[in-house]
Amino acid sequence: MTRDPLTDRAPSPAHSAQVAVEQEDTEDGLPVIEEYPHAQPWGVDTRRRTAVLWPSFLMACVLELLVFSFVDPQSLHWVGGASVEADPVAVYSVGFFLFWAVSALSAALTLLLLREPEDETSGHPARRRFP
């Protein structure tokens, strides 16, 4: 029996059973966790959307805090000089969604630029060749 290198003890039977469960693979090669038998792993598109929307959401939160700590929504004016006659909560909400949209656009463009070109014959990402 192998010993745990961190604790220098033999693993417990519960740990051995968990490792055995995690080593069972589905047809797509991902591990099955016994506690959640109906849970499906995220697909590539879901992971890409999450990689764009979650960091942009966090950035929108930070921008909202920074901008509206210095800007009073009731003192805003349109480009023509007329004051913005909206509820401050509406201004905060519109500002947040604008910040989120701009941050998401930036993250999506970054993800697009990081994509690997596909090989024309196989459809798989081509290997990069550096000079």
Protein backbone atom coordinates (compact mmCIF):
# COMPACT_ATOMS: atom_id res chain seq x y z
CA MET A 1 0.00 0.00 0.00
CA THR A 2 1.38 3.41 -0.90
CA ARG A 3 1.78 6.04 1.76
CA ASP A 4 0.69 9.64 1.50
CA PRO A 5 3.90 11.68 0.97
CA LEU A 6 2.55 14.68 2.90
CA THR A 7 1.45 12.92 6.06
CA ASP A 8 3.61 9.77 5.76
CA ARG A 9 0.53 7.67 6.59
CA ALA A 10 -1.44 5.10 4.68
CA PRO A 11 -4.56 6.55 3.03
CA SER A 12 -7.88 5.92 4.75
CA PRO A 13 -10.42 3.52 3.19
CA ALA A 14 -12.75 6.47 2.48
CA HIS A 15 -9.97 8.25 0.61
CA SER A 16 -9.21 5.09 -1.38
CA ALA A 17 -12.89 4.74 -2.32
CA GLN A 18 -13.04 8.40 -3.43
CA VAL A 19 -9.93 7.98 -5.57
CA ALA A 20 -11.45 4.86 -7.14
CA VAL A 21 -14.65 6.76 -7.92
CA GLU A 22 -12.74 9.65 -9.43
CA GLN A 23 -10.80 7.30 -11.67
CA GLU A 24 -13.93 5.96 -13.35
CA ASP A 25 -14.26 7.85 -16.62
CA THR A 26 -17.22 8.57 -18.83
CA GLU A 27 -17.08 8.16 -22.59
CA ASP A 28 -15.70 11.71 -22.94
CA GLY A 29 -12.83 10.98 -20.52
CA LEU A 30 -14.07 13.09 -17.61
CA PRO A 31 -14.30 11.60 -14.09
CA VAL A 32 -17.61 10.57 -12.57
CA ILE A 33 -18.26 11.77 -9.03
CA GLU A 34 -20.60 9.48 -7.15
CA GLU A 35 -22.32 12.24 -5.14
CA TYR A 36 -23.57 13.94 -8.32
CA PRO A 37 -24.38 11.16 -10.81
CA HIS A 38 -26.62 13.35 -13.01
CA ALA A 39 -24.27 16.33 -13.18
CA GLN A 40 -22.92 16.95 -16.65
CA PRO A 41 -19.48 18.44 -17.21
CA TRP A 42 -19.39 21.81 -18.89
CA GLY A 43 -18.93 21.86 -22.62
CA VAL A 44 -16.38 23.95 -24.45
CA ASP A 45 -18.88 26.69 -25.33
CA THR A 46 -20.05 27.00 -21.72
CA ARG A 47 -16.46 27.26 -20.50
CA ARG A 48 -15.71 29.95 -23.11
CA ARG A 49 -18.79 31.96 -22.16
CA THR A 50 -17.88 31.66 -18.49
CA ALA A 51 -14.30 32.70 -19.25
CA VAL A 52 -15.67 35.87 -20.85
CA LEU A 53 -18.64 36.75 -18.64
CA TRP A 54 -17.29 36.06 -15.15
CA PRO A 55 -14.11 38.21 -15.31
CA SER A 56 -16.02 40.94 -17.13
CA PHE A 57 -18.68 40.87 -14.39
CA LEU A 58 -16.00 41.29 -11.73
CA MET A 59 -14.40 44.12 -13.71
CA ALA A 60 -17.79 45.82 -14.07
CA CYS A 61 -18.20 45.66 -10.28
CA VAL A 62 -14.82 47.30 -9.77
CA LEU A 63 -15.54 49.99 -12.38
CA GLU A 64 -18.93 50.68 -10.83
CA LEU A 65 -17.32 51.23 -7.44
CA LEU A 66 -14.55 53.42 -8.81
CA VAL A 67 -16.64 55.59 -11.14
CA PHE A 68 -19.60 56.17 -8.85
CA SER A 69 -17.45 56.86 -5.83
CA PHE A 70 -16.38 60.04 -7.67
CA VAL A 71 -19.46 60.77 -9.82
CA ASP A 72 -22.85 61.73 -8.39
CA PRO A 73 -25.64 60.35 -10.62
CA GLN A 74 -27.83 63.39 -9.93
CA SER A 75 -25.16 65.78 -11.25
CA LEU A 76 -24.80 64.06 -14.65
CA HIS A 77 -25.66 65.99 -17.83
CA TRP A 78 -26.31 64.88 -21.41
CA VAL A 79 -23.97 66.05 -24.16
CA GLY A 80 -26.30 68.94 -25.04
CA GLY A 81 -26.23 70.26 -21.49
CA ALA A 82 -29.57 68.97 -20.22
CA SER A 83 -29.40 67.20 -16.88
CA VAL A 84 -30.07 63.48 -16.70
CA GLU A 85 -33.41 63.22 -14.95
CA ALA A 86 -33.32 59.58 -13.89
CA ASP A 87 -33.46 57.78 -10.61
CA PRO A 88 -29.92 57.26 -9.22
CA VAL A 89 -30.54 53.50 -9.01
CA ALA A 90 -31.37 53.48 -12.73
CA VAL A 91 -28.15 55.37 -13.49
CA TYR A 92 -26.16 52.88 -11.39
CA SER A 93 -27.83 49.96 -13.18
CA VAL A 94 -27.31 51.33 -16.68
CA GLY A 95 -23.71 52.18 -15.81
CA PHE A 96 -23.08 48.69 -14.49
CA PHE A 97 -24.48 47.00 -17.59
CA LEU A 98 -22.50 49.33 -19.86
CA PHE A 99 -19.31 48.53 -17.94
CA TRP A 100 -20.13 44.82 -18.13
CA ALA A 101 -20.78 44.98 -21.87
CA VAL A 102 -17.53 46.81 -22.60
CA SER A 103 -15.55 44.44 -20.37
CA ALA A 104 -17.21 41.40 -21.97
CA LEU A 105 -16.43 42.74 -25.43
CA SER A 106 -12.80 43.16 -24.44
CA ALA A 107 -12.60 39.64 -23.01
CA ALA A 108 -14.37 38.14 -26.04
CA LEU A 109 -11.94 39.86 -28.41
CA THR A 110 -9.04 38.52 -26.36
CA LEU A 111 -10.50 35.00 -26.52
CA LEU A 112 -10.99 35.37 -30.27
CA LEU A 113 -7.40 36.49 -30.79
CA LEU A 114 -6.08 33.58 -28.71
CA ARG A 115 -7.81 30.92 -30.81
CA GLU A 116 -5.55 28.57 -32.67
CA PRO A 117 -5.98 28.32 -36.44
CA GLU A 118 -7.46 25.00 -37.52
CA ASP A 119 -5.60 22.60 -39.75
CA GLU A 120 -7.46 22.42 -43.07
CA THR A 121 -7.08 18.66 -43.43
CA SER A 122 -8.01 17.42 -39.96
CA GLY A 123 -10.09 20.23 -38.46
CA HIS A 124 -7.96 20.15 -35.29
CA PRO A 125 -5.99 23.17 -34.05
CA ALA A 126 -2.78 23.52 -36.01
CA ARG A 127 0.58 23.51 -34.26
CA ARG A 128 2.35 26.81 -34.03
CA ARG A 129 5.69 27.00 -35.71
CA PHE A 130 8.06 29.54 -34.31
CA PRO A 131 10.96 30.81 -36.42
